[in-house]
Amino acid sequence: MFSIIIPCYNVEKYVRHCVQKLQEQEYTNFEVILVDDGSTDGTYEECLQLKREYDNITVACHLEDTSNKRVNLGVEATRNKGLDIANGEYVFFLDADDSIDNTTLKLAKKVFDNYENVDFILTGFCYSLSDIGKEYRVLADLNERLYECRELIENFHTRLPMNIVSCMGTKIYRRQFLEEYKIRFDRKYRFNEDGAFALDAFMNAQWIYYINKPLYYYYQRTGSTTYSYRENAFVTVSNRIDLEESLYKQNGISDSKKFFIIDQRTELIIGLLREEAIFKGWKSFCKLFREFYKIEQIRNECREVLNYERGIKRSIRLALFLYHCRLLLFIYYKTVRY
C-alpha cells in the first residue's frame, strides 16, 4: 500500500480537487493522509468532509497540549506527523495544490515489485506557471532503469537537473528505507526542507530507479507553499552549511558526493536571492546579496559549479552573482520567471 501525505495549510480552494484527482489512480491500494497545519480558513473542515466521502482518507492535525486547540507548527512537523501515522509500505509527499499522473502509483508498484532493493523511485515533473499559462516538462538525461546511487551522483551535473533532485514530488520512498536511516524533516532547515530531506535520502540510498516520465504536476501560484517569501534566508544557508559539513565528516564520502552537496547549496542560494527580489524588492535583495557575496566559501563554490554548468539560465545567474552584477541579476529575476 502507498501512503500519500498531504500537508494542508489554508488550501480550502485546492484540497478537494487534489483528493478527487487521486481517486482516479489506476492503482487503488493507497491511503491519503491529510494533515492540517493550523489553517485559518475552512481547510480543516473540508478535510473532514472529504474523509466522510472517501474511505481511504485519514485526517490529522497539531493540537496544543493544554487547550486541544489546533496550532501551526510548519510544513516539516506536518509531514513528519504524516510519516508517523503512515501505514503504507511506500510513501509519497504531495502538496495540496498539486497533482500526479493517474498512472503514478501503478508504475511505482511495478518497480518496487520487480526490484526489492530499490530505496526510492525518481521521476520527472511538469512545472506549470498557472498565472501566465506556461508549462514545462522537466526530465533527466537518463535512461529509464535501476541505478546505483553512486552512479547518479557522479553524473548528476550534466544528466540530472537539480530541480528534479530537490523537488519533493519527484520521489516515491520505501518507508523501511526512511525508517532505517531515520530520515525526517528538520525544522532547523525549514526554508529548504525539501532539499535537506532529499540530500539526506541521496546520501544514504544504495539503489534508485528512474522513471523517465513527468509524473508530478507542480503548479506555481502566488501564495502557494513553495511560492512564498522565506524569512531568515541567510540563517537558512548557514544551517545548511552546518548540515553539509557534518555529512563531509562521514567516513567514505566521495568527492562526487561533496560536489553534489555543493551544487545543492549553490542552487539554494540562487533561489533565495530570486525570492528576495520577487517578494521583498531591491533594498532587501541587495542586503542579502551582500551577505552571501562576502563569504569567500560561497563565491568559490559558485565558481566551481559554474565551471561545470551546462544550463544557460543557471549559468547566467551564477555569472551575474560572481561578477557582482546586482542590478542585472535583480532585473533578471524580475523578468524571467523560470
Protein backbone atom coordinates (compact mmCIF):
# COMPACT_ATOMS: atom_id res chain seq x y z
CA MET A 1 0.00 0.00 0.00
CA PHE A 2 1.05 3.59 -0.67
CA SER A 3 0.72 6.37 1.89
CA ILE A 4 0.21 9.75 0.24
CA ILE A 5 0.97 12.50 2.75
CA ILE A 6 -0.53 15.92 2.06
CA PRO A 7 0.29 18.86 4.37
CA CYS A 8 -2.62 21.30 4.40
CA TYR A 9 -2.39 24.96 5.32
CA ASN A 10 -5.04 27.37 4.02
CA VAL A 11 -5.72 25.26 0.92
CA GLU A 12 -9.50 25.16 1.19
CA LYS A 13 -9.77 26.06 -2.52
CA TYR A 14 -7.45 23.29 -3.72
CA VAL A 15 -7.54 20.25 -1.45
CA ARG A 16 -10.81 18.81 -2.79
CA HIS A 17 -9.55 18.84 -6.38
CA CYS A 18 -6.26 17.26 -5.23
CA VAL A 19 -8.06 14.41 -3.43
CA GLN A 20 -10.54 13.85 -6.24
CA LYS A 21 -7.69 13.54 -8.76
CA LEU A 22 -6.04 10.94 -6.54
CA GLN A 23 -9.16 8.80 -6.62
CA GLU A 24 -8.59 8.43 -10.38
CA GLN A 25 -5.35 6.49 -9.85
CA GLU A 26 -5.22 3.25 -11.85
CA TYR A 27 -3.66 1.50 -8.84
CA THR A 28 -6.12 1.83 -5.97
CA ASN A 29 -4.39 0.40 -2.90
CA PHE A 30 -3.41 3.65 -1.21
CA GLU A 31 -4.29 5.85 1.73
CA VAL A 32 -4.42 9.65 1.74
CA ILE A 33 -3.21 11.35 4.92
CA LEU A 34 -4.39 14.97 5.17
CA VAL A 35 -2.53 16.79 7.94
CA ASP A 36 -3.86 20.24 8.77
CA ASP A 37 -1.26 22.73 9.99
CA GLY A 38 -3.49 25.10 11.94
CA SER A 39 -5.26 26.56 8.90
CA THR A 40 -7.17 29.81 9.43
CA ASP A 41 -9.65 29.23 6.61
CA GLY A 42 -12.00 26.27 6.11
CA THR A 43 -9.28 23.75 5.20
CA TYR A 44 -9.69 21.51 8.25
CA GLU A 45 -13.46 21.32 7.84
CA GLU A 46 -13.03 20.49 4.14
CA CYS A 47 -10.60 17.70 5.06
CA LEU A 48 -13.13 16.24 7.49
CA GLN A 49 -15.82 16.39 4.81
CA LEU A 50 -13.53 14.57 2.35
CA LYS A 51 -12.93 11.89 4.99
CA ARG A 52 -16.68 11.36 5.19
CA GLU A 53 -16.87 10.98 1.41
CA TYR A 54 -13.90 8.64 0.83
CA ASP A 55 -12.94 5.59 2.87
CA ASN A 56 -9.20 5.82 2.19
CA ILE A 57 -8.64 9.19 3.89
CA THR A 58 -7.15 9.92 7.31
CA VAL A 59 -7.24 13.43 8.77
CA ALA A 60 -4.80 14.65 11.42
CA CYS A 61 -3.75 17.98 12.91
CA HIS A 62 -1.46 19.52 15.52
CA LEU A 63 -3.11 20.11 18.89
CA GLU A 64 -1.89 22.36 21.68
CA ASP A 65 -1.17 20.30 24.78
CA THR A 66 -3.17 22.37 27.23
CA SER A 67 -6.18 23.61 25.26
CA ASN A 68 -6.51 20.98 22.49
CA LYS A 69 -6.60 23.92 20.07
CA ARG A 70 -5.29 23.36 16.54
CA VAL A 71 -1.90 25.04 16.07
CA ASN A 72 0.52 25.82 13.25
CA LEU A 73 3.89 24.06 13.51
CA GLY A 74 5.18 24.34 9.93
CA VAL A 75 5.36 22.01 6.95
CA GLU A 76 8.26 19.99 8.41
CA ALA A 77 6.32 18.94 11.52
CA THR A 78 3.22 18.40 9.39
CA ARG A 79 4.95 15.98 7.01
CA ASN A 80 6.63 14.23 9.94
CA LYS A 81 3.23 13.72 11.57
CA GLY A 82 2.03 12.14 8.35
CA LEU A 83 5.06 9.84 8.35
CA ASP A 84 4.38 8.84 11.95
CA ILE A 85 0.85 7.62 11.19
CA ALA A 86 1.50 6.21 7.70
CA ASN A 87 0.57 2.55 7.23
CA GLY A 88 1.84 2.04 3.70
CA GLU A 89 4.93 0.22 2.54
CA TYR A 90 5.69 3.17 0.27
CA VAL A 91 5.50 6.89 0.98
CA PHE A 92 4.81 9.81 -1.31
CA PHE A 93 4.57 13.52 -0.45
CA LEU A 94 2.11 15.68 -2.34
CA ASP A 95 1.25 19.36 -1.92
CA ALA A 96 -2.46 20.11 -1.74
CA ASP A 97 -2.40 22.44 -4.74
CA ASP A 98 -0.53 19.98 -6.98
CA SER A 99 -1.45 16.64 -8.58
CA ILE A 100 0.08 13.47 -10.03
CA ASP A 101 -0.42 11.47 -13.20
CA ASN A 102 -3.10 8.76 -12.96
CA THR A 103 -0.50 6.05 -13.71
CA THR A 104 1.97 7.11 -10.99
CA LEU A 105 1.17 4.51 -8.34
CA LYS A 106 0.74 1.70 -10.88
CA LEU A 107 4.18 2.39 -12.38
CA ALA A 108 5.78 2.71 -8.94
CA LYS A 109 4.25 -0.54 -7.69
CA LYS A 110 5.63 -2.39 -10.69
CA VAL A 111 9.12 -1.06 -9.99
CA PHE A 112 9.02 -1.92 -6.28
CA ASP A 113 7.73 -5.42 -7.08
CA ASN A 114 10.47 -6.03 -9.63
CA TYR A 115 13.34 -4.54 -7.63
CA GLU A 116 13.24 -5.37 -3.94
CA ASN A 117 16.45 -3.43 -3.28
CA VAL A 118 15.15 -0.04 -4.56
CA ASP A 119 15.26 2.62 -1.83
CA PHE A 120 13.26 5.17 -3.76
CA ILE A 121 11.97 5.99 -7.22
CA LEU A 122 12.91 9.20 -9.00
CA THR A 123 10.71 10.75 -11.73
CA GLY A 124 10.43 13.86 -13.84
CA PHE A 125 7.81 16.53 -13.29
CA CYS A 126 5.68 19.05 -15.11
CA TYR A 127 6.08 22.64 -13.96
CA SER A 128 3.13 24.94 -14.59
CA LEU A 129 3.16 28.71 -14.13
CA SER A 130 -0.59 28.96 -13.88
CA ASP A 131 -0.73 32.74 -13.60
CA ILE A 132 0.90 33.21 -17.01
CA GLY A 133 -0.26 29.99 -18.67
CA LYS A 134 3.15 28.38 -19.32
CA GLU A 135 4.09 24.75 -18.72
CA TYR A 136 7.46 22.99 -18.74
CA ARG A 137 8.36 19.30 -18.71
CA VAL A 138 11.46 18.60 -16.63
CA LEU A 139 13.21 15.27 -17.26
CA ALA A 140 16.68 13.92 -16.61
CA ASP A 141 19.01 12.91 -19.42
CA LEU A 142 18.88 9.33 -18.19
CA ASN A 143 17.59 6.01 -19.44
CA GLU A 144 14.72 4.51 -17.50
CA ARG A 145 16.35 1.83 -15.38
CA LEU A 146 17.83 0.92 -12.00
CA TYR A 147 20.86 2.98 -10.89
CA GLU A 148 23.31 2.59 -8.09
CA CYS A 149 23.06 5.88 -6.20
CA ARG A 150 26.79 6.47 -6.57
CA GLU A 151 26.41 6.36 -10.35
CA LEU A 152 23.71 9.03 -10.31
CA ILE A 153 25.67 11.31 -8.02
CA GLU A 154 28.84 11.04 -10.08
CA ASN A 155 26.99 12.02 -13.26
CA PHE A 156 24.24 14.22 -11.90
CA HIS A 157 25.55 17.58 -13.01
CA THR A 158 25.23 17.01 -16.73
CA ARG A 159 22.38 14.50 -16.73
CA LEU A 160 20.22 15.06 -13.65
CA PRO A 161 18.70 18.56 -13.20
CA MET A 162 18.95 19.90 -9.69
CA ASN A 163 15.25 20.79 -9.59
CA ILE A 164 14.43 17.09 -10.03
CA VAL A 165 16.75 16.28 -7.13
CA SER A 166 15.28 18.88 -4.76
CA CYS A 167 11.59 18.72 -5.77
CA MET A 168 9.63 16.83 -3.11
CA GLY A 169 7.18 15.30 -5.58
CA THR A 170 9.73 13.54 -7.78
CA LYS A 171 10.41 10.75 -5.28
CA ILE A 172 8.46 7.78 -4.00
CA TYR A 173 10.16 6.21 -0.98
CA ARG A 174 10.20 2.76 0.51
CA ARG A 175 9.12 3.54 4.08
CA GLN A 176 11.52 0.98 5.53
CA PHE A 177 14.41 2.96 3.99
CA LEU A 178 13.26 6.22 5.63
CA GLU A 179 12.88 4.49 8.99
CA GLU A 180 16.19 2.62 8.82
CA TYR A 181 18.17 5.83 8.28
CA LYS A 182 15.86 7.98 10.44
CA ILE A 183 15.24 10.40 7.58
CA ARG A 184 12.87 13.11 8.74
CA PHE A 185 12.17 16.77 8.11
CA ASP A 186 14.07 19.09 10.43
CA ARG A 187 12.64 22.47 11.45
CA LYS A 188 16.19 23.81 11.51
CA TYR A 189 16.13 23.70 7.70
CA ARG A 190 12.52 24.84 7.45
CA PHE A 191 13.04 27.16 4.47
CA ASN A 192 14.69 24.47 2.38
CA GLU A 193 13.18 21.39 3.98
CA ASP A 194 12.62 19.64 0.64
CA GLY A 195 16.26 19.96 -0.39
CA ALA A 196 17.60 18.92 3.02
CA PHE A 197 15.33 15.85 3.09
CA ALA A 198 16.35 14.88 -0.46
CA LEU A 199 20.02 15.38 0.37
CA ASP A 200 19.70 13.05 3.35
CA ALA A 201 17.98 10.45 1.14
CA PHE A 202 20.63 10.60 -1.59
CA MET A 203 23.45 10.36 0.95
CA ASN A 204 22.00 7.12 2.38
CA ALA A 205 20.43 5.40 -0.62
CA GLN A 206 22.06 2.46 -2.39
CA TRP A 207 19.68 1.88 -5.30
CA ILE A 208 17.38 4.32 -7.14
CA TYR A 209 15.08 3.62 -10.07
CA TYR A 210 14.46 6.44 -12.54
CA ILE A 211 11.11 6.66 -14.39
CA ASN A 212 11.54 8.92 -17.40
CA LYS A 213 8.09 10.50 -17.27
CA PRO A 214 6.82 13.79 -15.76
CA LEU A 215 4.51 12.17 -13.20
CA TYR A 216 4.25 15.08 -10.75
CA TYR A 217 2.31 18.20 -11.77
CA TYR A 218 3.66 21.19 -9.88
CA TYR A 219 1.54 24.35 -10.11
CA GLN A 220 3.31 27.52 -9.08
CA ARG A 221 0.81 30.06 -7.83
CA THR A 222 1.31 33.25 -5.90
CA GLY A 223 0.62 32.35 -2.28
CA SER A 224 1.41 28.64 -2.57
CA THR A 225 3.64 26.91 -0.03
CA THR A 226 6.62 26.85 -2.39
CA TYR A 227 6.00 30.27 -3.89
CA SER A 228 6.02 32.45 -0.79
CA TYR A 229 8.72 34.65 0.65
CA ARG A 230 11.03 32.95 3.11
CA GLU A 231 12.22 34.93 6.09
CA ASN A 232 15.72 34.45 7.56
CA ALA A 233 17.21 33.35 4.24
CA PHE A 234 20.77 33.83 5.45
CA VAL A 235 20.10 31.66 8.52
CA THR A 236 18.72 29.01 6.15
CA VAL A 237 22.01 28.82 4.26
CA SER A 238 24.07 28.86 7.47
CA ASN A 239 22.09 25.90 8.79
CA ARG A 240 22.50 24.04 5.50
CA ILE A 241 26.26 24.58 5.66
CA ASP A 242 26.26 23.04 9.15
CA LEU A 243 24.26 20.04 7.86
CA GLU A 244 26.51 19.53 4.88
CA GLU A 245 29.75 19.93 6.82
CA SER A 246 28.56 17.14 9.11
CA LEU A 247 27.96 14.97 6.03
CA TYR A 248 31.51 15.67 4.86
CA LYS A 249 32.76 14.03 8.04
CA GLN A 250 31.04 10.75 7.27
CA ASN A 251 33.52 8.00 6.56
CA GLY A 252 33.92 7.23 2.90
CA ILE A 253 32.11 10.26 1.46
CA SER A 254 33.40 10.69 -2.09
CA ASP A 255 34.45 13.81 -3.98
CA SER A 256 31.41 13.37 -6.22
CA LYS A 257 29.12 13.41 -3.17
CA LYS A 258 30.84 16.55 -1.90
CA PHE A 259 30.29 18.25 -5.25
CA PHE A 260 26.68 17.09 -5.23
CA ILE A 261 26.25 18.80 -1.85
CA ILE A 262 27.96 21.98 -3.06
CA ASP A 263 25.75 22.15 -6.13
CA GLN A 264 22.62 21.75 -3.98
CA ARG A 265 23.72 24.61 -1.73
CA THR A 266 24.52 26.84 -4.69
CA GLU A 267 21.04 26.24 -6.10
CA LEU A 268 19.57 27.16 -2.71
CA ILE A 269 21.50 30.45 -2.58
CA ILE A 270 20.49 31.46 -6.10
CA GLY A 271 16.88 30.52 -5.34
CA LEU A 272 16.79 32.55 -2.13
CA LEU A 273 18.12 35.61 -3.96
CA ARG A 274 15.37 35.15 -6.53
CA GLU A 275 12.68 35.08 -3.84
CA GLU A 276 14.18 38.15 -2.16
CA ALA A 277 13.98 40.04 -5.46
CA ILE A 278 10.41 38.96 -6.22
CA PHE A 279 8.85 39.35 -2.78
CA LYS A 280 10.92 41.96 -0.92
CA GLY A 281 12.32 44.30 -3.55
CA TRP A 282 15.61 45.99 -4.35
CA LYS A 283 16.87 47.05 -0.92
CA SER A 284 16.25 43.69 0.72
CA PHE A 285 17.72 41.89 -2.31
CA CYS A 286 20.91 43.99 -2.07
CA LYS A 287 21.26 43.26 1.64
CA LEU A 288 21.03 39.50 1.16
CA PHE A 289 23.30 39.68 -1.91
CA ARG A 290 25.99 41.40 0.18
CA GLU A 291 25.66 38.84 2.99
CA PHE A 292 26.17 35.96 0.58
CA TYR A 293 28.84 37.62 -1.53
CA LYS A 294 31.14 38.48 1.37
CA ILE A 295 31.57 34.77 2.21
CA GLU A 296 34.55 33.50 0.25
CA GLN A 297 33.41 29.88 0.53
CA ILE A 298 30.15 30.71 -1.27
CA ARG A 299 31.94 32.58 -4.06
CA ASN A 300 34.42 29.74 -4.56
CA GLU A 301 31.67 27.11 -4.66
CA CYS A 302 29.61 29.14 -7.16
CA ARG A 303 32.71 29.46 -9.34
CA GLU A 304 33.32 25.70 -9.15
CA VAL A 305 29.72 24.92 -10.12
CA LEU A 306 29.80 27.46 -12.97
CA ASN A 307 32.81 25.69 -14.49
CA TYR A 308 30.68 22.55 -14.94
CA GLU A 309 27.26 24.11 -15.53
CA ARG A 310 25.69 23.44 -18.94
CA GLY A 311 22.32 25.14 -18.44
CA ILE A 312 22.22 28.62 -19.98
CA LYS A 313 19.83 30.23 -17.48
CA ARG A 314 21.61 28.87 -14.44
CA SER A 315 24.99 29.88 -15.87
CA ILE A 316 23.69 33.42 -16.32
CA ARG A 317 22.51 33.61 -12.70
CA LEU A 318 25.78 32.26 -11.33
CA ALA A 319 27.89 34.58 -13.51
CA LEU A 320 25.90 37.67 -12.55
CA PHE A 321 26.35 36.78 -8.89
CA LEU A 322 30.08 36.07 -9.20
CA TYR A 323 30.79 39.27 -11.11
CA HIS A 324 28.80 41.30 -8.61
CA CYS A 325 26.20 42.44 -11.16
CA ARG A 326 23.48 43.09 -8.60
CA LEU A 327 21.24 45.25 -10.75
CA LEU A 328 21.37 42.90 -13.74
CA LEU A 329 20.64 39.88 -11.55
CA PHE A 330 17.74 41.73 -9.91
CA ILE A 331 16.29 42.65 -13.32
CA TYR A 332 16.77 39.07 -14.49
CA TYR A 333 14.80 37.70 -11.52
CA LYS A 334 12.00 40.24 -12.02
CA THR A 335 11.58 39.45 -15.72
CA VAL A 336 12.46 35.74 -16.14
CA ARG A 337 10.01 33.59 -14.23
CA TYR A 338 11.59 30.17 -14.77
